[in-house]
């Protein structure tokens, strides 16, 4: 398995107006496609079974400029669609998954650093949402 970043230039013939740009920690900005939120900006490759992972990481990337309630709602929805009954186990599995993805980043040095920066920010938002997510699921 490996994770690649799909550069915005030339993505399915997209034009600059097809994207929204968000600031990510540090000097990075992330271009997010306004309509294609499941398949852009990252791709997890390795086989057909990785399509769900691509969708999941891209949904998180598209939440980076959203508020805490959007993160909690997304996590609650994902939890109810998961095989887990315990929100703590779900959160631990999500953390393990993120760690695995971070080890599988491919590309040149700049691209790997960029993706790592985005993944660190996603991880930070997930951590910040964990308590409210757990409370929302238990109530």
C-alpha atoms as a PDB file:
ATOM      1  CA  UNK A   1       0.000   0.000   0.000  1.00  0.00           C
ATOM      2  CA  UNK A   2       1.125   3.558  -0.621  1.00  0.00           C
ATOM      3  CA  UNK A   3      -0.341   7.059  -0.400  1.00  0.00           C
ATOM      4  CA  UNK A   4       0.153   9.652  -3.110  1.00  0.00           C
ATOM      5  CA  UNK A   5      -0.858  13.282  -3.366  1.00  0.00           C
ATOM      6  CA  UNK A   6      -2.677  14.228  -6.533  1.00  0.00           C
ATOM      7  CA  UNK A   7      -1.375  17.572  -7.645  1.00  0.00           C
ATOM      8  CA  UNK A   8      -4.085  20.059  -8.635  1.00  0.00           C
ATOM      9  CA  UNK A   9      -2.476  20.955 -11.962  1.00  0.00           C
ATOM     10  CA  UNK A  10      -4.200  18.973 -14.668  1.00  0.00           C
ATOM     11  CA  UNK A  11      -6.440  16.931 -12.351  1.00  0.00           C
ATOM     12  CA  UNK A  12      -9.173  15.644 -14.727  1.00  0.00           C
ATOM     13  CA  UNK A  13      -8.908  18.865 -16.728  1.00  0.00           C
ATOM     14  CA  UNK A  14      -9.855  20.925 -13.680  1.00  0.00           C
ATOM     15  CA  UNK A  15      -9.402  24.685 -13.691  1.00  0.00           C
ATOM     16  CA  UNK A  16      -8.304  26.887 -10.760  1.00  0.00           C
ATOM     17  CA  UNK A  17     -11.903  27.929 -10.101  1.00  0.00           C
ATOM     18  CA  UNK A  18     -12.761  24.248  -9.474  1.00  0.00           C
ATOM     19  CA  UNK A  19     -10.746  24.339  -6.231  1.00  0.00           C
ATOM     20  CA  UNK A  20     -10.855  25.961  -2.832  1.00  0.00           C
ATOM     21  CA  UNK A  21      -7.578  26.656  -1.095  1.00  0.00           C
ATOM     22  CA  UNK A  22      -7.047  26.233   2.634  1.00  0.00           C
ATOM     23  CA  UNK A  23      -4.089  27.021   4.846  1.00  0.00           C
ATOM     24  CA  UNK A  24      -2.444  24.106   6.567  1.00  0.00           C
ATOM     25  CA  UNK A  25      -0.057  24.455   9.473  1.00  0.00           C
ATOM     26  CA  UNK A  26       3.257  25.940   8.456  1.00  0.00           C
ATOM     27  CA  UNK A  27       3.712  27.397   5.001  1.00  0.00           C
ATOM     28  CA  UNK A  28       1.526  24.865   3.217  1.00  0.00           C
ATOM     29  CA  UNK A  29      -1.729  25.463   1.416  1.00  0.00           C
ATOM     30  CA  UNK A  30      -3.934  22.615   0.258  1.00  0.00           C
ATOM     31  CA  UNK A  31      -6.034  22.806  -2.871  1.00  0.00           C
ATOM     32  CA  UNK A  32      -9.287  20.904  -2.431  1.00  0.00           C
ATOM     33  CA  UNK A  33     -11.607  20.138  -5.318  1.00  0.00           C
ATOM     34  CA  UNK A  34     -14.985  21.773  -4.723  1.00  0.00           C
ATOM     35  CA  UNK A  35     -16.971  18.769  -5.985  1.00  0.00           C
ATOM     36  CA  UNK A  36     -14.709  15.713  -5.897  1.00  0.00           C
ATOM     37  CA  UNK A  37     -14.308  15.268  -2.152  1.00  0.00           C
ATOM     38  CA  UNK A  38     -14.001  11.474  -2.151  1.00  0.00           C
ATOM     39  CA  UNK A  39     -11.217  11.010  -4.691  1.00  0.00           C
ATOM     40  CA  UNK A  40      -9.126  14.160  -4.259  1.00  0.00           C
ATOM     41  CA  UNK A  41      -6.469  15.203  -3.058  1.00  0.00           C
ATOM     42  CA  UNK A  42      -5.001  11.831  -1.977  1.00  0.00           C
ATOM     43  CA  UNK A  43      -5.033   8.310  -3.324  1.00  0.00           C
ATOM     44  CA  UNK A  44      -4.338   5.183  -1.320  1.00  0.00           C
ATOM     45  CA  UNK A  45      -3.111   2.592  -3.815  1.00  0.00           C
ATOM     46  CA  UNK A  46      -2.549  -1.084  -3.519  1.00  0.00           C
ATOM     47  CA  UNK A  47      -5.750  -2.663  -4.752  1.00  0.00           C
ATOM     48  CA  UNK A  48      -9.472  -2.240  -5.057  1.00  0.00           C
ATOM     49  CA  UNK A  49      -9.840  -2.679  -1.272  1.00  0.00           C
ATOM     50  CA  UNK A  50      -8.002   0.621  -0.742  1.00  0.00           C
ATOM     51  CA  UNK A  51     -10.787   2.669  -2.325  1.00  0.00           C
ATOM     52  CA  UNK A  52     -12.485   3.020   1.078  1.00  0.00           C
ATOM     53  CA  UNK A  53      -9.238   4.288   2.574  1.00  0.00           C
ATOM     54  CA  UNK A  54      -8.893   6.862  -0.209  1.00  0.00           C
ATOM     55  CA  UNK A  55     -12.398   8.126   0.468  1.00  0.00           C
ATOM     56  CA  UNK A  56     -11.821   8.247   4.232  1.00  0.00           C
ATOM     57  CA  UNK A  57      -8.564  10.238   4.105  1.00  0.00           C
ATOM     58  CA  UNK A  58     -10.019  12.641   1.546  1.00  0.00           C
ATOM     59  CA  UNK A  59     -13.101  13.259   3.657  1.00  0.00           C
ATOM     60  CA  UNK A  60     -10.834  14.159   6.562  1.00  0.00           C
ATOM     61  CA  UNK A  61      -8.711  16.422   4.337  1.00  0.00           C
ATOM     62  CA  UNK A  62     -11.858  18.219   3.207  1.00  0.00           C
ATOM     63  CA  UNK A  63     -12.783  18.882   6.841  1.00  0.00           C
ATOM     64  CA  UNK A  64      -9.547  20.694   7.684  1.00  0.00           C
ATOM     65  CA  UNK A  65     -11.102  24.155   7.409  1.00  0.00           C
ATOM     66  CA  UNK A  66     -14.341  23.108   9.104  1.00  0.00           C
ATOM     67  CA  UNK A  67     -15.361  23.513  12.719  1.00  0.00           C
ATOM     68  CA  UNK A  68     -15.350  20.936  15.510  1.00  0.00           C
ATOM     69  CA  UNK A  69     -19.025  20.037  15.079  1.00  0.00           C
ATOM     70  CA  UNK A  70     -18.400  18.932  11.471  1.00  0.00           C
ATOM     71  CA  UNK A  71     -15.542  16.697  12.640  1.00  0.00           C
ATOM     72  CA  UNK A  72     -17.676  15.177  15.400  1.00  0.00           C
ATOM     73  CA  UNK A  73     -20.610  14.564  13.045  1.00  0.00           C
ATOM     74  CA  UNK A  74     -18.327  12.891  10.498  1.00  0.00           C
ATOM     75  CA  UNK A  75     -16.781  10.684  13.180  1.00  0.00           C
ATOM     76  CA  UNK A  76     -20.209   9.716  14.534  1.00  0.00           C
ATOM     77  CA  UNK A  77     -21.372   8.772  11.037  1.00  0.00           C
ATOM     78  CA  UNK A  78     -18.204   6.752  10.387  1.00  0.00           C
ATOM     79  CA  UNK A  79     -18.529   5.037  13.759  1.00  0.00           C
ATOM     80  CA  UNK A  80     -22.113   3.951  13.037  1.00  0.00           C
ATOM     81  CA  UNK A  81     -20.971   2.617   9.648  1.00  0.00           C
ATOM     82  CA  UNK A  82     -18.081   0.706  11.243  1.00  0.00           C
ATOM     83  CA  UNK A  83     -18.000  -2.754  12.839  1.00  0.00           C
ATOM     84  CA  UNK A  84     -17.104  -1.210  16.226  1.00  0.00           C
ATOM     85  CA  UNK A  85     -19.414  -1.008  19.232  1.00  0.00           C
ATOM     86  CA  UNK A  86     -16.981   0.897  21.446  1.00  0.00           C
ATOM     87  CA  UNK A  87     -16.029   4.477  20.475  1.00  0.00           C
ATOM     88  CA  UNK A  88     -12.625   4.071  22.169  1.00  0.00           C
ATOM     89  CA  UNK A  89     -11.800   1.033  20.021  1.00  0.00           C
ATOM     90  CA  UNK A  90     -12.969   2.952  16.955  1.00  0.00           C
ATOM     91  CA  UNK A  91     -10.692   5.880  17.866  1.00  0.00           C
ATOM     92  CA  UNK A  92      -7.728   3.575  18.483  1.00  0.00           C
ATOM     93  CA  UNK A  93      -8.289   1.867  15.137  1.00  0.00           C
ATOM     94  CA  UNK A  94      -8.455   5.254  13.421  1.00  0.00           C
ATOM     95  CA  UNK A  95      -5.187   6.303  15.058  1.00  0.00           C
ATOM     96  CA  UNK A  96      -3.485   3.065  13.997  1.00  0.00           C
ATOM     97  CA  UNK A  97      -4.811   3.572  10.471  1.00  0.00           C
ATOM     98  CA  UNK A  98      -3.433   7.119  10.325  1.00  0.00           C
ATOM     99  CA  UNK A  99      -0.039   5.902  11.585  1.00  0.00           C
ATOM    100  CA  UNK A 100       0.000   3.228   8.878  1.00  0.00           C
ATOM    101  CA  UNK A 101      -0.855   5.759   6.172  1.00  0.00           C
ATOM    102  CA  UNK A 102       1.908   8.085   7.363  1.00  0.00           C
ATOM    103  CA  UNK A 103       4.427   5.277   6.852  1.00  0.00           C
ATOM    104  CA  UNK A 104       3.227   4.701   3.280  1.00  0.00           C
ATOM    105  CA  UNK A 105       3.594   8.192   1.791  1.00  0.00           C
ATOM    106  CA  UNK A 106       5.250   8.155  -1.639  1.00  0.00           C
ATOM    107  CA  UNK A 107       6.594  10.942  -3.814  1.00  0.00           C
ATOM    108  CA  UNK A 108       9.579  13.252  -3.979  1.00  0.00           C
ATOM    109  CA  UNK A 109      10.920  14.811  -0.772  1.00  0.00           C
ATOM    110  CA  UNK A 110       8.746  17.923  -1.048  1.00  0.00           C
ATOM    111  CA  UNK A 111       5.559  15.928  -1.732  1.00  0.00           C
ATOM    112  CA  UNK A 112       6.233  13.571   1.201  1.00  0.00           C
ATOM    113  CA  UNK A 113       6.816  16.519   3.556  1.00  0.00           C
ATOM    114  CA  UNK A 114       3.658  18.206   2.296  1.00  0.00           C
ATOM    115  CA  UNK A 115       1.488  15.109   2.780  1.00  0.00           C
ATOM    116  CA  UNK A 116       3.025  14.545   6.231  1.00  0.00           C
ATOM    117  CA  UNK A 117       2.133  18.128   7.187  1.00  0.00           C
ATOM    118  CA  UNK A 118      -1.477  17.580   6.105  1.00  0.00           C
ATOM    119  CA  UNK A 119      -1.655  14.229   7.922  1.00  0.00           C
ATOM    120  CA  UNK A 120      -0.305  15.789  11.125  1.00  0.00           C
ATOM    121  CA  UNK A 121      -3.021  18.431  10.917  1.00  0.00           C
ATOM    122  CA  UNK A 122      -5.702  15.762  10.332  1.00  0.00           C
ATOM    123  CA  UNK A 123      -4.388  13.809  13.317  1.00  0.00           C
ATOM    124  CA  UNK A 124      -4.498  16.957  15.448  1.00  0.00           C
ATOM    125  CA  UNK A 125      -8.134  17.629  14.486  1.00  0.00           C
ATOM    126  CA  UNK A 126      -9.061  14.003  15.201  1.00  0.00           C
ATOM    127  CA  UNK A 127      -7.439  14.210  18.642  1.00  0.00           C
ATOM    128  CA  UNK A 128      -9.236  17.484  19.391  1.00  0.00           C
ATOM    129  CA  UNK A 129     -12.584  15.900  18.423  1.00  0.00           C
ATOM    130  CA  UNK A 130     -12.147  12.656  20.346  1.00  0.00           C
ATOM    131  CA  UNK A 131     -13.855  13.733  23.589  1.00  0.00           C
ATOM    132  CA  UNK A 132     -16.874  15.333  21.918  1.00  0.00           C
ATOM    133  CA  UNK A 133     -17.157  12.350  19.570  1.00  0.00           C
ATOM    134  CA  UNK A 134     -17.187   9.897  22.476  1.00  0.00           C
ATOM    135  CA  UNK A 135     -19.820  11.953  24.293  1.00  0.00           C
ATOM    136  CA  UNK A 136     -21.970  12.221  21.173  1.00  0.00           C
ATOM    137  CA  UNK A 137     -21.918   8.469  20.610  1.00  0.00           C
ATOM    138  CA  UNK A 138     -22.720   7.645  24.245  1.00  0.00           C
ATOM    139  CA  UNK A 139     -25.664  10.061  24.407  1.00  0.00           C
END
